[in-house]
Amino acid sequence: MVKKRTRLDVIKDILVVLRNGHKVKITHLIYKSNLSSGSIKDYLKELVENGLVSEVKNSERVYYQITSKGNQFLEDFDKIMIFSEAYGL
């Protein structure tokens, strides 16, 4: 049985995609993070509001990129996962 991703897992997946690219279009994020266009917009809105992702508008296109706060989130998330695995959680 496949385990359903948690909200934090989805956020981590989005941030990892952004960390690996410079400016990323929403279609690339949808594909790489395995989300629908409707659900990714909600996540991106929250991430932008909380300063983990920035929205860059260039002519008619909108790109997203990770911020330093988003990078710090990924580092801290990895530490928490290592810690929880060490205790078998």
N, C-alpha and C. Protein backbone atom coordinates (compact mmCIF):
# COMPACT_ATOMS: atom_id res chain seq x y z
N MET A 1 0.84 -1.18 0.00
CA MET A 1 0.00 0.00 0.00
C MET A 1 0.89 1.24 0.00
N VAL A 2 0.58 2.16 -0.87
CA VAL A 2 1.36 3.38 -1.00
C VAL A 2 0.92 4.38 0.06
N LYS A 3 1.90 4.93 0.76
CA LYS A 3 1.60 5.91 1.81
C LYS A 3 1.29 7.26 1.17
N LYS A 4 0.21 7.88 1.64
CA LYS A 4 -0.18 9.19 1.14
C LYS A 4 0.78 10.25 1.68
N ARG A 5 1.16 11.19 0.82
CA ARG A 5 2.05 12.26 1.25
C ARG A 5 1.35 13.21 2.21
N THR A 6 2.09 13.63 3.20
CA THR A 6 1.55 14.62 4.13
C THR A 6 1.70 16.00 3.50
N ARG A 7 1.07 16.98 4.11
CA ARG A 7 1.17 18.37 3.66
C ARG A 7 2.63 18.82 3.66
N LEU A 8 3.37 18.46 4.70
CA LEU A 8 4.79 18.84 4.77
C LEU A 8 5.62 18.14 3.70
N ASP A 9 5.27 16.91 3.37
CA ASP A 9 5.97 16.19 2.29
C ASP A 9 5.78 16.91 0.97
N VAL A 10 4.57 17.37 0.70
CA VAL A 10 4.28 18.09 -0.55
C VAL A 10 5.05 19.40 -0.59
N ILE A 11 5.06 20.13 0.51
CA ILE A 11 5.80 21.39 0.58
C ILE A 11 7.28 21.14 0.34
N LYS A 12 7.81 20.10 0.97
CA LYS A 12 9.22 19.75 0.76
C LYS A 12 9.48 19.42 -0.70
N ASP A 13 8.60 18.66 -1.33
CA ASP A 13 8.79 18.30 -2.74
C ASP A 13 8.82 19.55 -3.63
N ILE A 14 7.92 20.49 -3.38
CA ILE A 14 7.89 21.73 -4.17
C ILE A 14 9.19 22.50 -3.98
N LEU A 15 9.64 22.63 -2.74
CA LEU A 15 10.86 23.38 -2.46
C LEU A 15 12.10 22.71 -3.04
N VAL A 16 12.12 21.39 -3.06
CA VAL A 16 13.26 20.67 -3.66
C VAL A 16 13.33 20.94 -5.16
N VAL A 17 12.18 20.94 -5.82
CA VAL A 17 12.15 21.25 -7.26
C VAL A 17 12.70 22.66 -7.49
N LEU A 18 12.27 23.60 -6.65
CA LEU A 18 12.72 24.99 -6.80
C LEU A 18 14.19 25.14 -6.47
N ARG A 19 14.68 24.37 -5.50
CA ARG A 19 16.09 24.44 -5.13
C ARG A 19 16.98 23.97 -6.28
N ASN A 20 16.50 23.01 -7.05
CA ASN A 20 17.29 22.45 -8.13
C ASN A 20 17.25 23.29 -9.41
N GLY A 21 16.39 24.29 -9.45
CA GLY A 21 16.29 25.16 -10.62
C GLY A 21 16.47 26.60 -10.19
N HIS A 22 16.56 27.50 -11.15
CA HIS A 22 16.68 28.91 -10.81
C HIS A 22 15.28 29.52 -10.73
N LYS A 23 14.70 29.74 -11.86
CA LYS A 23 13.32 30.20 -11.94
C LYS A 23 12.53 29.08 -12.61
N VAL A 24 11.41 28.72 -12.01
CA VAL A 24 10.65 27.57 -12.49
C VAL A 24 9.22 28.00 -12.79
N LYS A 25 8.72 27.56 -13.95
CA LYS A 25 7.33 27.83 -14.31
C LYS A 25 6.41 26.85 -13.56
N ILE A 26 5.17 27.25 -13.41
CA ILE A 26 4.21 26.44 -12.66
C ILE A 26 4.00 25.07 -13.31
N THR A 27 4.05 24.99 -14.64
CA THR A 27 3.85 23.70 -15.31
C THR A 27 4.95 22.71 -14.93
N HIS A 28 6.17 23.20 -14.80
CA HIS A 28 7.28 22.35 -14.39
C HIS A 28 7.07 21.88 -12.95
N LEU A 29 6.60 22.77 -12.09
CA LEU A 29 6.33 22.40 -10.70
C LEU A 29 5.22 21.36 -10.60
N ILE A 30 4.19 21.51 -11.41
CA ILE A 30 3.08 20.55 -11.41
C ILE A 30 3.60 19.17 -11.78
N TYR A 31 4.41 19.11 -12.82
CA TYR A 31 4.95 17.85 -13.30
C TYR A 31 5.89 17.21 -12.27
N LYS A 32 6.85 17.98 -11.78
CA LYS A 32 7.87 17.43 -10.90
C LYS A 32 7.36 17.11 -9.50
N SER A 33 6.37 17.85 -9.02
CA SER A 33 5.88 17.61 -7.66
C SER A 33 4.63 16.72 -7.64
N ASN A 34 4.16 16.32 -8.83
CA ASN A 34 3.04 15.40 -8.97
C ASN A 34 1.77 15.94 -8.30
N LEU A 35 1.40 17.16 -8.66
CA LEU A 35 0.20 17.81 -8.13
C LEU A 35 -0.67 18.30 -9.28
N SER A 36 -1.93 18.54 -8.97
CA SER A 36 -2.81 19.14 -9.97
C SER A 36 -2.59 20.65 -9.98
N SER A 37 -3.06 21.30 -11.03
CA SER A 37 -2.88 22.76 -11.11
C SER A 37 -3.65 23.47 -10.02
N GLY A 38 -4.80 22.95 -9.64
CA GLY A 38 -5.58 23.57 -8.58
C GLY A 38 -4.91 23.50 -7.22
N SER A 39 -4.40 22.31 -6.89
CA SER A 39 -3.80 22.16 -5.57
C SER A 39 -2.45 22.86 -5.46
N ILE A 40 -1.68 22.90 -6.54
CA ILE A 40 -0.37 23.54 -6.44
C ILE A 40 -0.52 25.05 -6.23
N LYS A 41 -1.57 25.63 -6.80
CA LYS A 41 -1.78 27.07 -6.62
C LYS A 41 -2.01 27.41 -5.16
N ASP A 42 -2.74 26.56 -4.45
CA ASP A 42 -2.96 26.79 -3.02
C ASP A 42 -1.65 26.70 -2.23
N TYR A 43 -0.85 25.70 -2.57
CA TYR A 43 0.45 25.55 -1.90
C TYR A 43 1.36 26.74 -2.20
N LEU A 44 1.42 27.15 -3.47
CA LEU A 44 2.29 28.27 -3.84
C LEU A 44 1.84 29.57 -3.17
N LYS A 45 0.56 29.77 -3.09
CA LYS A 45 0.05 30.97 -2.42
C LYS A 45 0.53 31.00 -0.97
N GLU A 46 0.41 29.88 -0.28
CA GLU A 46 0.85 29.79 1.11
C GLU A 46 2.36 29.97 1.23
N LEU A 47 3.11 29.35 0.34
CA LEU A 47 4.58 29.46 0.39
C LEU A 47 5.05 30.88 0.12
N VAL A 48 4.40 31.57 -0.81
CA VAL A 48 4.75 32.96 -1.11
C VAL A 48 4.40 33.84 0.09
N GLU A 49 3.20 33.64 0.66
CA GLU A 49 2.78 34.45 1.81
C GLU A 49 3.71 34.29 3.00
N ASN A 50 4.28 33.09 3.16
CA ASN A 50 5.16 32.82 4.29
C ASN A 50 6.64 33.07 3.98
N GLY A 51 6.94 33.55 2.78
CA GLY A 51 8.30 33.93 2.44
C GLY A 51 9.24 32.80 2.10
N LEU A 52 8.71 31.61 1.83
CA LEU A 52 9.58 30.48 1.46
C LEU A 52 9.84 30.45 -0.05
N VAL A 53 8.95 31.07 -0.81
CA VAL A 53 9.04 31.10 -2.26
C VAL A 53 8.73 32.52 -2.71
N SER A 54 9.41 32.95 -3.77
CA SER A 54 9.09 34.26 -4.34
C SER A 54 8.54 34.06 -5.75
N GLU A 55 7.65 34.97 -6.13
CA GLU A 55 7.03 34.95 -7.45
C GLU A 55 7.70 36.02 -8.29
N VAL A 56 8.20 35.62 -9.45
CA VAL A 56 8.89 36.55 -10.34
C VAL A 56 8.09 36.67 -11.62
N LYS A 57 7.64 37.88 -11.91
CA LYS A 57 6.87 38.11 -13.13
C LYS A 57 7.78 38.70 -14.19
N ASN A 58 7.78 38.06 -15.36
CA ASN A 58 8.63 38.46 -16.46
C ASN A 58 7.76 38.49 -17.72
N SER A 59 7.49 39.67 -18.22
CA SER A 59 6.58 39.85 -19.37
C SER A 59 5.23 39.21 -19.06
N GLU A 60 4.90 38.16 -19.79
CA GLU A 60 3.61 37.50 -19.60
C GLU A 60 3.73 36.23 -18.76
N ARG A 61 4.91 35.89 -18.34
CA ARG A 61 5.13 34.63 -17.61
C ARG A 61 5.38 34.89 -16.13
N VAL A 62 5.02 33.90 -15.35
CA VAL A 62 5.27 33.95 -13.91
C VAL A 62 6.17 32.76 -13.56
N TYR A 63 7.24 33.06 -12.84
CA TYR A 63 8.18 32.04 -12.41
C TYR A 63 8.21 32.04 -10.88
N TYR A 64 8.66 30.93 -10.34
CA TYR A 64 8.80 30.80 -8.89
C TYR A 64 10.22 30.41 -8.58
N GLN A 65 10.72 30.92 -7.46
CA GLN A 65 12.04 30.54 -7.01
C GLN A 65 12.06 30.47 -5.49
N ILE A 66 12.95 29.64 -4.99
CA ILE A 66 13.05 29.45 -3.55
C ILE A 66 13.79 30.63 -2.94
N THR A 67 13.42 31.00 -1.73
CA THR A 67 14.09 32.08 -1.01
C THR A 67 15.08 31.46 -0.02
N SER A 68 15.84 32.31 0.64
CA SER A 68 16.77 31.81 1.66
C SER A 68 15.99 31.16 2.81
N LYS A 69 14.83 31.69 3.13
CA LYS A 69 13.98 31.11 4.16
C LYS A 69 13.50 29.72 3.73
N GLY A 70 13.20 29.55 2.45
CA GLY A 70 12.81 28.24 1.92
C GLY A 70 13.95 27.24 1.99
N ASN A 71 15.16 27.70 1.68
CA ASN A 71 16.33 26.83 1.80
C ASN A 71 16.56 26.41 3.25
N GLN A 72 16.37 27.34 4.17
CA GLN A 72 16.54 27.03 5.59
C GLN A 72 15.49 26.02 6.04
N PHE A 73 14.27 26.14 5.54
CA PHE A 73 13.22 25.17 5.84
C PHE A 73 13.65 23.77 5.42
N LEU A 74 14.21 23.65 4.20
CA LEU A 74 14.64 22.33 3.72
C LEU A 74 15.74 21.75 4.60
N GLU A 75 16.70 22.57 5.00
CA GLU A 75 17.78 22.10 5.87
C GLU A 75 17.21 21.61 7.20
N ASP A 76 16.32 22.40 7.79
CA ASP A 76 15.72 22.03 9.07
C ASP A 76 14.84 20.79 8.94
N PHE A 77 14.11 20.69 7.84
CA PHE A 77 13.26 19.53 7.59
C PHE A 77 14.10 18.25 7.53
N ASP A 78 15.23 18.33 6.83
CA ASP A 78 16.12 17.16 6.74
C ASP A 78 16.64 16.76 8.11
N LYS A 79 16.98 17.74 8.95
CA LYS A 79 17.47 17.44 10.30
C LYS A 79 16.39 16.75 11.12
N ILE A 80 15.15 17.23 10.99
CA ILE A 80 14.04 16.62 11.74
C ILE A 80 13.81 15.19 11.28
N MET A 81 13.90 14.94 9.99
CA MET A 81 13.69 13.58 9.48
C MET A 81 14.79 12.64 9.98
N ILE A 82 16.03 13.10 9.98
CA ILE A 82 17.14 12.28 10.48
C ILE A 82 16.94 11.98 11.96
N PHE A 83 16.54 13.00 12.71
CA PHE A 83 16.30 12.85 14.14
C PHE A 83 15.18 11.85 14.41
N SER A 84 14.06 11.99 13.70
CA SER A 84 12.93 11.09 13.94
C SER A 84 13.25 9.65 13.53
N GLU A 85 14.01 9.49 12.46
CA GLU A 85 14.40 8.13 12.04
C GLU A 85 15.34 7.48 13.05
N ALA A 86 16.19 8.30 13.69
CA ALA A 86 17.11 7.78 14.71
C ALA A 86 16.34 7.19 15.90
N TYR A 87 15.14 7.68 16.14
CA TYR A 87 14.31 7.18 17.23
C TYR A 87 13.21 6.24 16.75
N GLY A 88 13.29 5.86 15.48
CA GLY A 88 12.35 4.90 14.94
C GLY A 88 10.94 5.42 14.74
N LEU A 89 10.83 6.74 14.55
CA LEU A 89 9.51 7.34 14.39
C LEU A 89 9.15 7.54 12.93
